């Protein structure tokens, strides 16, 4: 089964990477780069877990297995709680939302530093439980970290003024709740897999942005047309009175 799950991870990562590339091509400002990179980073993350599956089955060298598991954990538990709120903060336009996102970004940075310190000093283990990868580290295995993690990741997504990003956040909350209730030992692996699969929703932020741009352009055109019409009317009235 380990080979099957490894192939599944590699295949999914390829599909998600295509979406990631399409998303990245939609970038029009530097502030959007980090956000647009998220699907591609999710794809690389799942690609890494493919090697973790090969490692638990003994198909690759032990050192390669440890490296893959380490990369997966550091990104999943250490990088994401800072990366997600920061990427949303960079593209948010509504002031009060941006202020709240800045708080979550600083909170996520603190959690990232704390988590990466623990992952660097406390040994982690990876095992298979009911065909699910169980990542375990004594430093991060507590509810306090989990609550802050969910707050900084899902909370920042749901704070976004973009419908597609907020929906991505809501679906993540639903997904993590189901996973926690059914397979809590697979929380890290399954939630990252689920988030990666639905990360294609982030592409629609750029579709949404394009629609808003065209709507704003149409409103400006209509306003300009009305202004020109008023000026033409005023000129005609002046010409009439001169006669």
Protein backbone atom coordinates (compact mmCIF):
# COMPACT_ATOMS: atom_id res chain seq x y z
CA UNK A 1 0.00 0.00 0.00
CA UNK A 2 2.91 2.37 0.61
CA UNK A 3 3.80 2.36 -3.09
CA UNK A 4 0.16 3.04 -3.98
CA UNK A 5 -0.05 6.04 -1.63
CA UNK A 6 3.31 7.33 -2.84
CA UNK A 7 2.10 7.25 -6.45
CA UNK A 8 -1.13 8.94 -5.36
CA UNK A 9 0.83 11.77 -3.73
CA UNK A 10 3.09 12.19 -6.75
CA UNK A 11 0.10 12.24 -9.13
CA UNK A 12 -1.86 14.73 -7.04
CA UNK A 13 1.18 16.96 -6.70
CA UNK A 14 1.50 17.07 -10.48
CA UNK A 15 -2.15 18.05 -10.95
CA UNK A 16 -1.99 20.69 -8.20
CA UNK A 17 1.27 22.03 -9.65
CA UNK A 18 -0.50 22.72 -12.97
CA UNK A 19 -3.12 24.76 -11.11
CA UNK A 20 -0.31 26.46 -9.21
CA UNK A 21 1.43 27.49 -12.42
CA UNK A 22 -1.83 28.85 -13.86
CA UNK A 23 -2.43 30.77 -10.63
CA UNK A 24 1.09 32.21 -10.65
CA UNK A 25 0.62 33.45 -14.21
CA UNK A 26 -2.31 35.59 -13.06
CA UNK A 27 -0.11 37.73 -10.81
CA UNK A 28 -0.12 41.42 -11.71
CA UNK A 29 1.51 43.01 -8.63
CA UNK A 30 4.41 41.96 -6.35
CA UNK A 31 2.02 41.77 -3.38
CA UNK A 32 0.21 38.84 -5.02
CA UNK A 33 3.28 36.64 -5.60
CA UNK A 34 3.36 34.95 -2.20
CA UNK A 35 -0.37 34.23 -2.29
CA UNK A 36 -0.20 32.90 -5.85
CA UNK A 37 2.63 30.57 -4.81
CA UNK A 38 0.47 28.73 -2.26
CA UNK A 39 -1.00 26.06 -4.62
CA UNK A 40 2.46 25.37 -6.05
CA UNK A 41 3.91 25.07 -2.53
CA UNK A 42 1.09 22.69 -1.60
CA UNK A 43 2.00 20.62 -4.66
CA UNK A 44 5.66 20.43 -3.64
CA UNK A 45 4.57 19.53 -0.12
CA UNK A 46 2.54 16.57 -1.39
CA UNK A 47 5.44 15.56 -3.62
CA UNK A 48 7.61 15.44 -0.50
CA UNK A 49 5.09 13.23 1.28
CA UNK A 50 5.31 10.78 -1.59
CA UNK A 51 8.91 10.15 -0.51
CA UNK A 52 7.75 9.81 3.10
CA UNK A 53 5.49 6.94 1.99
CA UNK A 54 8.40 5.35 0.15
CA UNK A 55 10.47 5.76 3.30
CA UNK A 56 8.03 4.05 5.67
CA UNK A 57 7.95 1.13 3.24
CA UNK A 58 11.73 0.90 3.18
CA UNK A 59 11.99 1.71 -0.53
CA UNK A 60 14.47 4.58 -0.11
CA UNK A 61 17.52 5.16 2.06
CA UNK A 62 16.86 5.95 5.73
CA UNK A 63 18.57 9.35 5.43
CA UNK A 64 16.36 10.32 2.47
CA UNK A 65 13.30 9.23 4.48
CA UNK A 66 14.30 11.38 7.46
CA UNK A 67 14.96 14.37 5.19
CA UNK A 68 11.57 14.06 3.46
CA UNK A 69 9.72 13.69 6.78
CA UNK A 70 11.60 16.67 8.21
CA UNK A 71 10.78 18.90 5.24
CA UNK A 72 7.13 17.87 5.40
CA UNK A 73 6.82 18.60 9.11
CA UNK A 74 8.74 21.87 9.05
CA UNK A 75 6.55 23.22 6.26
CA UNK A 76 3.25 21.84 7.61
CA UNK A 77 3.69 22.81 11.26
CA UNK A 78 6.36 25.49 11.18
CA UNK A 79 6.02 27.54 7.99
CA UNK A 80 2.29 27.55 7.17
CA UNK A 81 1.02 29.37 10.31
CA UNK A 82 3.14 32.37 9.28
CA UNK A 83 3.04 32.03 5.50
CA UNK A 84 -0.76 31.89 5.16
CA UNK A 85 -1.68 35.03 7.17
CA UNK A 86 1.23 36.96 5.63
CA UNK A 87 0.12 36.12 2.08
CA UNK A 88 -3.47 37.19 2.82
CA UNK A 89 -2.32 40.38 4.59
CA UNK A 90 -0.31 41.40 1.53
CA UNK A 91 -3.33 41.32 -0.81
CA UNK A 92 -6.07 42.54 1.54
CA UNK A 93 -7.52 45.96 0.70
CA UNK A 94 -10.05 46.50 3.50
CA UNK A 95 -8.33 48.38 6.32
CA UNK A 96 -9.96 46.76 9.37
CA UNK A 97 -9.43 43.28 7.93
CA UNK A 98 -5.79 44.13 7.20
CA UNK A 99 -5.26 45.24 10.81
CA UNK A 100 -6.65 41.95 12.16
CA UNK A 101 -4.55 40.03 9.65
CA UNK A 102 -1.43 41.83 10.86
CA UNK A 103 -2.16 40.56 14.38
CA UNK A 104 -2.59 37.00 13.09
CA UNK A 105 0.61 37.35 11.06
CA UNK A 106 2.64 38.29 14.14
CA UNK A 107 0.96 35.49 16.09
CA UNK A 108 1.77 33.06 13.29
CA UNK A 109 5.39 34.22 13.24
CA UNK A 110 5.68 33.54 16.97
CA UNK A 111 4.13 30.09 16.56
CA UNK A 112 6.43 29.34 13.60
CA UNK A 113 9.57 30.20 15.60
CA UNK A 114 8.34 28.23 18.62
CA UNK A 115 7.38 25.19 16.51
CA UNK A 116 10.55 25.11 14.43
CA UNK A 117 12.64 25.30 17.59
CA UNK A 118 10.80 22.27 18.95
CA UNK A 119 11.06 20.34 15.71
CA UNK A 120 14.79 21.09 15.62
CA UNK A 121 15.47 19.91 19.17
CA UNK A 122 12.90 17.16 19.82
CA UNK A 123 13.03 14.03 17.62
CA UNK A 124 9.96 13.37 15.46
CA UNK A 125 8.58 10.01 14.40
CA UNK A 126 6.51 8.86 11.44
CA UNK A 127 4.45 5.68 11.42
CA UNK A 128 1.48 4.23 9.54
CA UNK A 129 -1.82 3.85 11.40
CA UNK A 130 -4.83 2.54 9.45
CA UNK A 131 -3.19 3.40 6.13
CA UNK A 132 -2.58 6.96 7.34
CA UNK A 133 0.74 8.64 8.10
CA UNK A 134 1.01 9.59 11.77
CA UNK A 135 3.53 12.38 12.37
CA UNK A 136 4.38 12.72 16.05
CA UNK A 137 6.50 15.23 17.94
CA UNK A 138 6.23 15.72 21.70
CA UNK A 139 6.82 19.48 21.35
CA UNK A 140 3.85 20.15 19.06
CA UNK A 141 1.45 17.45 20.32
CA UNK A 142 -0.81 19.72 22.37
CA UNK A 143 -4.13 21.48 21.92
CA UNK A 144 -2.75 24.98 22.56
CA UNK A 145 -0.53 24.86 19.48
CA UNK A 146 -3.40 23.39 17.45
CA UNK A 147 -5.80 26.20 18.41
CA UNK A 148 -3.30 28.94 17.53
CA UNK A 149 -2.41 27.10 14.31
CA UNK A 150 -6.05 26.94 13.20
CA UNK A 151 -6.58 30.57 14.19
CA UNK A 152 -3.62 31.83 12.15
CA UNK A 153 -4.29 29.69 9.07
CA UNK A 154 -8.06 29.19 8.73
CA UNK A 155 -8.82 32.39 10.64
CA UNK A 156 -6.78 34.53 8.28
CA UNK A 157 -8.36 32.88 5.24
CA UNK A 158 -11.89 33.51 6.53
CA UNK A 159 -11.00 37.13 7.32
CA UNK A 160 -10.29 37.84 3.65
CA UNK A 161 -12.71 40.08 1.77
CA UNK A 162 -12.38 37.70 -1.20
CA UNK A 163 -15.24 35.20 -1.43
CA UNK A 164 -13.06 32.45 -2.90
CA UNK A 165 -10.37 32.80 -0.21
CA UNK A 166 -12.95 32.92 2.60
CA UNK A 167 -14.63 29.82 1.14
CA UNK A 168 -11.25 28.08 1.10
CA UNK A 169 -10.95 28.89 4.81
CA UNK A 170 -14.44 27.61 5.65
CA UNK A 171 -13.87 24.37 3.75
CA UNK A 172 -10.60 23.91 5.61
CA UNK A 173 -12.36 24.26 8.96
CA UNK A 174 -14.95 21.70 7.89
CA UNK A 175 -12.24 19.35 6.63
CA UNK A 176 -10.05 19.56 9.72
CA UNK A 177 -13.09 19.01 11.97
CA UNK A 178 -14.06 15.84 10.11
CA UNK A 179 -10.46 14.59 10.13
CA UNK A 180 -10.07 15.31 13.85
CA UNK A 181 -13.26 13.40 14.64
CA UNK A 182 -12.53 10.41 12.41
CA UNK A 183 -8.73 10.11 12.33
CA UNK A 184 -7.04 12.47 14.80
CA UNK A 185 -3.73 10.63 14.44
CA UNK A 186 -3.66 11.57 10.75
CA UNK A 187 -4.38 15.25 11.38
CA UNK A 188 -1.14 16.63 9.90
CA UNK A 189 -1.03 14.36 6.86
CA UNK A 190 -4.72 14.29 5.91
CA UNK A 191 -5.39 17.98 6.50
CA UNK A 192 -2.42 18.98 4.34
CA UNK A 193 -3.63 16.58 1.64
CA UNK A 194 -7.16 17.97 1.83
CA UNK A 195 -5.95 21.60 1.80
CA UNK A 196 -3.73 20.87 -1.20
CA UNK A 197 -6.60 19.31 -3.16
CA UNK A 198 -8.96 22.25 -2.60
CA UNK A 199 -6.23 24.90 -3.03
CA UNK A 200 -7.41 25.26 -6.62
CA UNK A 201 -10.05 27.57 -5.17
CA UNK A 202 -7.32 30.17 -4.71
CA UNK A 203 -7.11 30.48 -8.50
CA UNK A 204 -10.59 31.99 -8.46
CA UNK A 205 -9.35 34.92 -6.40
CA UNK A 206 -7.75 36.21 -9.59
CA UNK A 207 -10.94 35.53 -11.56
CA UNK A 208 -12.86 37.42 -8.89
CA UNK A 209 -10.33 40.26 -9.01
CA UNK A 210 -10.66 40.46 -12.82
CA UNK A 211 -14.45 40.68 -12.57
CA UNK A 212 -14.17 43.48 -9.98
CA UNK A 213 -11.72 45.34 -12.22
CA UNK A 214 -14.08 45.14 -15.21
CA UNK A 215 -17.02 46.25 -13.07
CA UNK A 216 -15.04 49.23 -11.76
CA UNK A 217 -13.98 50.07 -15.30
CA UNK A 218 -17.59 49.97 -16.47
CA UNK A 219 -18.70 52.24 -13.61
CA UNK A 220 -15.93 54.72 -14.40
CA UNK A 221 -16.88 54.65 -18.08
CA UNK A 222 -20.53 55.31 -17.24
CA UNK A 223 -19.56 58.12 -14.85
CA UNK A 224 -17.30 59.65 -17.51
CA UNK A 225 -20.06 59.33 -20.09
CA UNK A 226 -22.52 61.14 -17.82
CA UNK A 227 -19.97 63.88 -17.13
CA UNK A 228 -19.30 64.38 -20.84
CA UNK A 229 -23.01 64.47 -21.55
CA UNK A 230 -23.52 67.18 -18.92
CA UNK A 231 -20.65 69.23 -20.33
CA UNK A 232 -22.02 68.90 -23.88
CA UNK A 233 -25.44 69.97 -22.67
CA UNK A 234 -23.89 72.97 -20.90
CA UNK A 235 -22.00 73.97 -24.06
CA UNK A 236 -25.15 73.69 -26.16
CA UNK A 237 -27.04 75.86 -23.69
CA UNK A 238 -24.31 78.50 -23.83
CA UNK A 239 -24.35 78.48 -27.64
CA UNK A 240 -28.15 78.87 -27.58
CA UNK A 241 -28.07 81.91 -25.31
CA UNK A 242 -25.33 83.56 -27.39
CA UNK A 243 -27.57 83.36 -30.45
